[in-house]
Amino acid sequence: LVFLALTLTQLELPGLYYDEALDVVPSMQLLLGQPVTLEHGVGVWVGNTALPVMMMDYLGAVNTYLMIPFFAVLGVNVYSLRLMTVVLSAITLVLAYRVGRRFFGETVALLATFLLAIHPSFVFWSRMGITVTSVMTVFSLGSLLAFLTWWDRRDGRWFLFGCLLLGLGLWSKLLFLWWILALVSVGLALLAWQAMGQGSGWPQRFRSALAGIATRRHFWAGLLAFLLGAAPLIWYNLVSGATFATLQKNVVTTEYGVNNLDLGRNLATAWDTFRVLLDGSYFWYQGGPFANDAYLPVFVIGAVGAVSLVVTRARQHRRALFV
């Protein structure tokens, strides 16, 4: 309720951002029966209607289709556009609570979710939902929760659902690949940690644990679910090859002049971007300095405090904190 009160008040302000319009122009065109411009001419034809699969070489049409029912019910306007991203962020809050409860218990989950619900950056970007950020949080936390549920219950349907969400996330934006890589890396690290904790001969136990995660049937079914979610992206590249061409052009130096091999400087830039997300200094363009300089030190103190508590007292949360 607090989150909705913060996000739905004067939802039409500030004015429409051009990245918001990028995803939803095709939604409007489909709803009004107008011809849709297809990226590189690639789409899926249903009768005389062309359905887009990608908005840009690295940006899928997920938001485009999610927006259609909101426009259909509430009309084509800024309020209905932004209501969709607010709803997605509300779902993200529920998922964050469920993941937090699974890892750290009810009290921590409630407190963390409430802090997220009132965080200025989360509130602001939930209202504007630029470049499919809101839907990516649903797919990322949703896939994590699905895999956790599968691990707890050993119900293969949850494994398939998690793989499907990973595919949909990759279609929504190619940047989602980092989440997939992180999820796989953390999972492998936890298995290795568990195997090494049982003494010598851990490589054999690690391989056994890896083989026991999912049967071959589950693995191939999960792969098919992932490919199903990413099918529009795959189809787009089978026809045009545009995403791969873009990656090839930017593999060493991006079109913005960033050297991908300069890891130290890029990490420093990423950290500064994270600082901006925390303290809200991105909001300067709204007419004044709105940054809260206390956010970064409070975050650092909280992170150090959490690690210290887990190391000294709450050792049962070590793996959860590692994740």
Protein backbone atom coordinates (compact mmCIF):
# COMPACT_ATOMS: atom_id res chain seq x y z
CA LEU A 1 0.00 0.00 0.00
CA VAL A 2 2.84 2.39 0.81
CA PHE A 3 4.54 1.55 -2.48
CA LEU A 4 1.35 2.11 -4.49
CA ALA A 5 0.71 5.40 -2.68
CA LEU A 6 4.19 6.59 -3.65
CA THR A 7 4.09 5.37 -7.25
CA LEU A 8 0.51 6.13 -8.31
CA THR A 9 0.44 9.75 -7.09
CA GLN A 10 0.69 12.10 -10.10
CA LEU A 11 1.75 9.14 -12.22
CA GLU A 12 1.76 11.24 -15.38
CA LEU A 13 4.68 13.32 -14.00
CA PRO A 14 7.41 13.85 -15.06
CA GLY A 15 6.63 13.94 -18.78
CA LEU A 16 6.99 10.97 -21.09
CA TYR A 17 10.58 9.79 -21.54
CA TYR A 18 11.54 8.77 -25.08
CA ASP A 19 12.67 5.28 -24.04
CA GLU A 20 9.23 4.67 -22.56
CA ALA A 21 7.61 5.38 -25.91
CA LEU A 22 10.01 3.07 -27.78
CA ASP A 23 8.42 -0.12 -26.45
CA VAL A 24 4.79 0.95 -26.61
CA VAL A 25 4.39 2.56 -30.03
CA PRO A 26 3.96 -0.92 -31.58
CA SER A 27 1.45 -1.76 -28.79
CA MET A 28 -0.65 1.22 -29.84
CA GLN A 29 -0.31 0.32 -33.52
CA LEU A 30 -1.39 -3.29 -32.94
CA LEU A 31 -4.36 -2.20 -30.84
CA LEU A 32 -5.51 0.38 -33.40
CA GLY A 33 -4.96 -1.91 -36.38
CA GLN A 34 -2.16 0.23 -37.80
CA PRO A 35 0.86 -1.20 -39.65
CA VAL A 36 3.83 -1.95 -37.37
CA THR A 37 7.39 -1.10 -38.34
CA LEU A 38 9.53 -4.23 -37.86
CA GLU A 39 13.18 -4.06 -36.82
CA HIS A 40 15.18 -5.25 -39.86
CA GLY A 41 11.83 -6.34 -41.30
CA VAL A 42 11.76 -9.39 -38.99
CA GLY A 43 8.50 -10.41 -37.37
CA VAL A 44 5.83 -13.07 -37.22
CA TRP A 45 2.83 -12.72 -39.52
CA VAL A 46 -0.64 -13.71 -38.38
CA GLY A 47 -2.90 -13.17 -41.35
CA ASN A 48 -2.28 -9.58 -42.44
CA THR A 49 -0.90 -8.52 -39.04
CA ALA A 50 2.84 -8.29 -38.46
CA LEU A 51 3.87 -9.07 -34.89
CA PRO A 52 7.26 -7.60 -33.87
CA VAL A 53 9.80 -9.76 -32.05
CA MET A 54 12.49 -7.17 -31.28
CA MET A 55 12.48 -3.40 -30.70
CA MET A 56 16.25 -3.10 -31.18
CA ASP A 57 18.98 -5.64 -31.87
CA TYR A 58 19.38 -6.25 -28.13
CA LEU A 59 15.91 -5.30 -26.88
CA GLY A 60 12.92 -7.63 -27.16
CA ALA A 61 9.21 -6.86 -27.57
CA VAL A 62 8.16 -8.16 -24.13
CA ASN A 63 6.90 -4.78 -22.87
CA THR A 64 5.12 -4.25 -26.17
CA TYR A 65 2.83 -7.22 -25.59
CA LEU A 66 2.46 -6.64 -21.84
CA MET A 67 1.24 -3.12 -22.59
CA ILE A 68 -1.64 -4.12 -24.89
CA PRO A 69 -4.19 -5.13 -22.17
CA PHE A 70 -3.49 -1.92 -20.22
CA PHE A 71 -4.08 0.20 -23.33
CA ALA A 72 -7.15 -1.86 -24.22
CA VAL A 73 -8.78 -1.34 -20.81
CA LEU A 74 -7.58 2.15 -19.84
CA GLY A 75 -6.92 3.73 -23.22
CA VAL A 76 -3.71 4.81 -24.93
CA ASN A 77 -2.25 7.32 -22.46
CA VAL A 78 0.71 7.91 -20.16
CA TYR A 79 -1.17 6.71 -17.07
CA SER A 80 -1.93 3.25 -18.46
CA LEU A 81 1.63 3.01 -19.83
CA ARG A 82 3.16 3.65 -16.43
CA LEU A 83 0.61 1.62 -14.52
CA MET A 84 1.98 -1.46 -16.27
CA THR A 85 5.51 -0.88 -14.94
CA VAL A 86 4.16 -0.10 -11.46
CA VAL A 87 2.30 -3.44 -11.47
CA LEU A 88 5.49 -5.24 -12.52
CA SER A 89 7.44 -3.60 -9.69
CA ALA A 90 4.69 -4.54 -7.22
CA ILE A 91 5.16 -8.15 -8.36
CA THR A 92 8.91 -7.67 -7.84
CA LEU A 93 8.23 -6.67 -4.21
CA VAL A 94 6.28 -9.88 -3.64
CA LEU A 95 9.06 -11.94 -5.21
CA ALA A 96 11.72 -10.12 -3.17
CA TYR A 97 9.76 -10.91 0.00
CA ARG A 98 9.45 -14.60 -0.93
CA VAL A 99 13.17 -14.91 -1.73
CA GLY A 100 14.12 -13.00 1.43
CA ARG A 101 11.88 -15.21 3.58
CA ARG A 102 13.37 -18.36 2.02
CA PHE A 103 16.92 -17.13 2.75
CA PHE A 104 16.71 -15.17 6.02
CA GLY A 105 13.28 -15.63 7.59
CA GLU A 106 10.10 -13.59 7.96
CA THR A 107 11.40 -10.55 9.87
CA VAL A 108 14.33 -9.84 7.57
CA ALA A 109 12.17 -10.40 4.50
CA LEU A 110 9.49 -7.93 5.65
CA LEU A 111 12.01 -5.26 6.61
CA ALA A 112 14.02 -5.62 3.40
CA THR A 113 10.89 -5.52 1.25
CA PHE A 114 9.63 -2.41 3.02
CA LEU A 115 12.98 -0.66 2.53
CA LEU A 116 12.84 -1.55 -1.16
CA ALA A 117 9.26 -0.28 -1.44
CA ILE A 118 10.23 3.19 -0.20
CA HIS A 119 13.63 3.48 -1.88
CA PRO A 120 13.58 6.61 -4.09
CA SER A 121 15.33 5.00 -7.06
CA PHE A 122 13.08 1.93 -7.02
CA VAL A 123 9.97 4.11 -6.73
CA PHE A 124 11.08 6.49 -9.48
CA TRP A 125 12.13 3.86 -12.00
CA SER A 126 9.02 1.82 -11.23
CA ARG A 127 7.03 4.83 -12.41
CA MET A 128 9.05 5.27 -15.61
CA GLY A 129 10.11 1.67 -16.30
CA ILE A 130 12.73 2.63 -18.86
CA THR A 131 14.30 -0.02 -21.14
CA VAL A 132 12.33 -2.96 -19.69
CA THR A 133 13.99 -2.66 -16.26
CA SER A 134 10.76 -3.51 -14.41
CA VAL A 135 10.10 -6.72 -16.32
CA MET A 136 13.72 -7.86 -15.97
CA THR A 137 13.44 -7.78 -12.16
CA VAL A 138 10.35 -10.01 -12.39
CA PHE A 139 12.20 -12.52 -14.58
CA SER A 140 15.38 -12.47 -12.47
CA LEU A 141 13.82 -12.81 -9.00
CA GLY A 142 11.10 -15.07 -10.44
CA SER A 143 13.66 -17.50 -11.88
CA LEU A 144 15.65 -17.51 -8.62
CA LEU A 145 12.51 -18.27 -6.61
CA ALA A 146 11.49 -20.99 -9.08
CA PHE A 147 14.86 -22.72 -8.78
CA LEU A 148 14.80 -22.43 -4.97
CA THR A 149 11.31 -23.97 -4.90
CA TRP A 150 12.48 -26.75 -7.21
CA TRP A 151 15.49 -27.41 -4.94
CA ASP A 152 13.27 -27.60 -1.86
CA ARG A 153 10.50 -29.74 -3.38
CA ARG A 154 12.36 -31.54 -6.17
CA ASP A 155 9.38 -30.85 -8.40
CA GLY A 156 10.65 -30.73 -11.99
CA ARG A 157 7.90 -28.34 -13.06
CA TRP A 158 9.53 -25.54 -11.07
CA PHE A 159 12.85 -26.24 -12.80
CA LEU A 160 11.18 -25.92 -16.19
CA PHE A 161 9.42 -22.71 -15.12
CA GLY A 162 12.73 -21.20 -13.95
CA CYS A 163 14.37 -22.07 -17.28
CA LEU A 164 11.43 -20.54 -19.17
CA LEU A 165 11.80 -17.29 -17.18
CA LEU A 166 15.52 -17.19 -17.99
CA GLY A 167 14.71 -17.46 -21.70
CA LEU A 168 12.06 -14.73 -21.47
CA GLY A 169 14.51 -12.52 -19.59
CA LEU A 170 17.12 -12.96 -22.31
CA TRP A 171 14.52 -12.04 -24.93
CA SER A 172 13.48 -8.96 -22.96
CA LYS A 173 17.01 -7.57 -23.08
CA LEU A 174 20.34 -9.16 -23.97
CA LEU A 175 21.81 -7.60 -20.82
CA PHE A 176 19.91 -10.32 -18.90
CA LEU A 177 22.71 -12.68 -19.94
CA TRP A 178 24.70 -11.36 -16.96
CA TRP A 179 21.98 -12.62 -14.59
CA ILE A 180 22.07 -16.08 -16.19
CA LEU A 181 25.86 -16.26 -15.92
CA ALA A 182 25.76 -15.09 -12.30
CA LEU A 183 23.06 -17.60 -11.37
CA VAL A 184 24.98 -20.52 -12.90
CA SER A 185 28.29 -19.38 -11.37
CA VAL A 186 26.85 -19.02 -7.87
CA GLY A 187 25.17 -22.42 -8.13
CA LEU A 188 28.41 -24.13 -9.17
CA ALA A 189 30.33 -22.32 -6.42
CA LEU A 190 27.85 -23.49 -3.77
CA LEU A 191 28.11 -27.10 -4.96
CA ALA A 192 31.91 -26.89 -4.84
CA TRP A 193 31.74 -25.30 -1.36
CA GLN A 194 29.52 -28.13 -0.13
CA ALA A 195 31.82 -30.78 -1.62
CA MET A 196 35.00 -29.23 -0.16
CA GLY A 197 33.37 -28.97 3.26
CA GLN A 198 33.21 -32.77 3.40
CA GLY A 199 36.99 -33.23 3.32
CA SER A 200 39.43 -34.66 0.79
CA GLY A 201 38.39 -36.13 -2.52
CA TRP A 202 35.97 -33.27 -3.07
CA PRO A 203 36.31 -33.15 -6.91
CA GLN A 204 34.58 -36.54 -7.17
CA ARG A 205 31.81 -35.42 -4.80
CA PHE A 206 31.43 -32.21 -6.79
CA ARG A 207 30.97 -34.15 -10.03
CA SER A 208 28.48 -36.47 -8.33
CA ALA A 209 26.51 -33.53 -6.94
CA LEU A 210 26.54 -31.89 -10.35
CA ALA A 211 25.24 -35.07 -11.99
CA GLY A 212 22.55 -35.41 -9.34
CA ILE A 213 21.11 -31.91 -9.74
CA ALA A 214 18.81 -32.88 -12.56
CA THR A 215 18.22 -36.00 -14.61
CA ARG A 216 19.03 -35.92 -18.29
CA ARG A 217 15.33 -35.73 -18.96
CA HIS A 218 14.99 -32.65 -16.75
CA PHE A 219 18.10 -31.07 -18.27
CA TRP A 220 16.88 -31.39 -21.85
CA ALA A 221 13.36 -30.34 -20.89
CA GLY A 222 14.82 -27.30 -19.12
CA LEU A 223 16.89 -26.45 -22.17
CA LEU A 224 13.80 -26.65 -24.35
CA ALA A 225 11.91 -24.38 -21.90
CA PHE A 226 14.76 -21.87 -22.04
CA LEU A 227 14.83 -21.96 -25.85
CA LEU A 228 11.06 -21.50 -25.91
CA GLY A 229 11.36 -18.33 -23.81
CA ALA A 230 14.19 -17.02 -25.98
CA ALA A 231 12.57 -18.19 -29.26
CA PRO A 232 11.74 -14.68 -30.57
CA LEU A 233 15.37 -13.60 -30.10
CA ILE A 234 16.59 -16.79 -31.77
CA TRP A 235 14.17 -16.37 -34.67
CA TYR A 236 15.24 -12.75 -35.13
CA ASN A 237 18.87 -13.79 -35.45
CA LEU A 238 18.19 -16.80 -37.68
CA VAL A 239 16.57 -14.39 -40.13
CA SER A 240 18.78 -11.29 -39.74
CA GLY A 241 21.82 -12.16 -37.61
CA ALA A 242 21.60 -8.57 -36.34
CA THR A 243 22.21 -9.23 -32.62
CA PHE A 244 25.32 -11.27 -33.33
CA ALA A 245 26.56 -8.59 -35.73
CA THR A 246 26.07 -5.93 -33.04
CA LEU A 247 27.94 -8.03 -30.48
CA GLN A 248 30.77 -8.59 -32.94
CA LYS A 249 31.13 -4.85 -33.54
CA ASN A 250 31.22 -4.09 -29.82
CA VAL A 251 33.19 -7.06 -28.49
CA VAL A 252 36.41 -5.10 -27.76
CA THR A 253 35.48 -1.42 -28.10
CA THR A 254 31.83 -0.36 -27.94
CA GLU A 255 30.17 2.20 -30.17
CA TYR A 256 30.40 4.58 -27.18
CA GLY A 257 34.20 4.23 -27.13
CA VAL A 258 34.38 1.99 -24.05
CA ASN A 259 37.28 -0.49 -24.00
CA ASN A 260 35.79 -3.75 -22.67
CA LEU A 261 39.26 -5.02 -21.74
CA ASP A 262 39.88 -2.12 -19.33
CA LEU A 263 38.32 -4.03 -16.43
CA GLY A 264 39.61 -1.77 -13.65
CA ARG A 265 38.19 1.43 -15.08
CA ASN A 266 34.95 -0.26 -16.10
CA LEU A 267 34.50 -1.69 -12.60
CA ALA A 268 35.04 1.79 -11.15
CA THR A 269 32.40 3.16 -13.53
CA ALA A 270 29.99 0.37 -12.54
CA TRP A 271 30.55 1.14 -8.85
CA ASP A 272 29.87 4.84 -9.49
CA THR A 273 26.67 3.90 -11.32
CA PHE A 274 25.65 1.82 -8.30
CA ARG A 275 26.35 4.82 -6.05
CA VAL A 276 24.10 6.97 -8.25
CA LEU A 277 21.35 4.33 -7.96
CA LEU A 278 21.66 4.36 -4.16
CA ASP A 279 21.87 8.09 -3.49
CA GLY A 280 19.51 9.29 -6.23
CA SER A 281 21.90 11.78 -7.80
CA TYR A 282 20.54 10.81 -11.23
CA PHE A 283 17.47 12.91 -10.37
CA TRP A 284 19.34 16.20 -10.93
CA TYR A 285 17.52 16.67 -14.23
CA GLN A 286 14.25 17.02 -12.34
CA GLY A 287 15.31 20.55 -11.36
CA GLY A 288 17.68 20.36 -8.42
CA PRO A 289 20.20 18.35 -6.36
CA PHE A 290 18.12 15.57 -4.81
CA ALA A 291 20.95 13.18 -3.87
CA ASN A 292 21.08 11.79 -0.34
CA ASP A 293 24.78 11.37 0.48
CA ALA A 294 23.97 9.19 3.51
CA TYR A 295 22.77 6.27 1.37
CA LEU A 296 26.19 4.95 0.30
CA PRO A 297 27.85 4.89 3.76
CA VAL A 298 24.69 3.39 5.30
CA PHE A 299 24.71 0.69 2.62
CA VAL A 300 28.40 -0.09 3.20
CA ILE A 301 27.93 -0.22 6.99
CA GLY A 302 24.90 -2.48 6.52
CA ALA A 303 26.79 -4.83 4.19
CA VAL A 304 29.82 -5.05 6.51
CA GLY A 305 27.50 -5.52 9.49
CA ALA A 306 25.61 -8.33 7.76
CA VAL A 307 28.82 -10.17 6.93
CA SER A 308 30.11 -9.72 10.49
CA LEU A 309 26.88 -11.03 12.03
CA VAL A 310 26.85 -14.09 9.80
CA VAL A 311 30.52 -14.85 10.46
CA THR A 312 30.24 -14.47 14.22
CA ARG A 313 26.67 -15.48 15.11
CA ALA A 314 24.22 -16.43 12.35
CA ARG A 315 26.38 -19.01 10.61
CA GLN A 316 23.33 -20.81 9.23
CA HIS A 317 22.93 -17.92 6.78
CA ARG A 318 26.40 -18.19 5.20
CA ARG A 319 25.26 -19.68 1.90
CA ALA A 320 22.29 -17.36 1.63
CA LEU A 321 24.53 -14.33 2.21
CA PHE A 322 26.95 -15.68 -0.40
CA VAL A 323 24.15 -15.75 -2.95
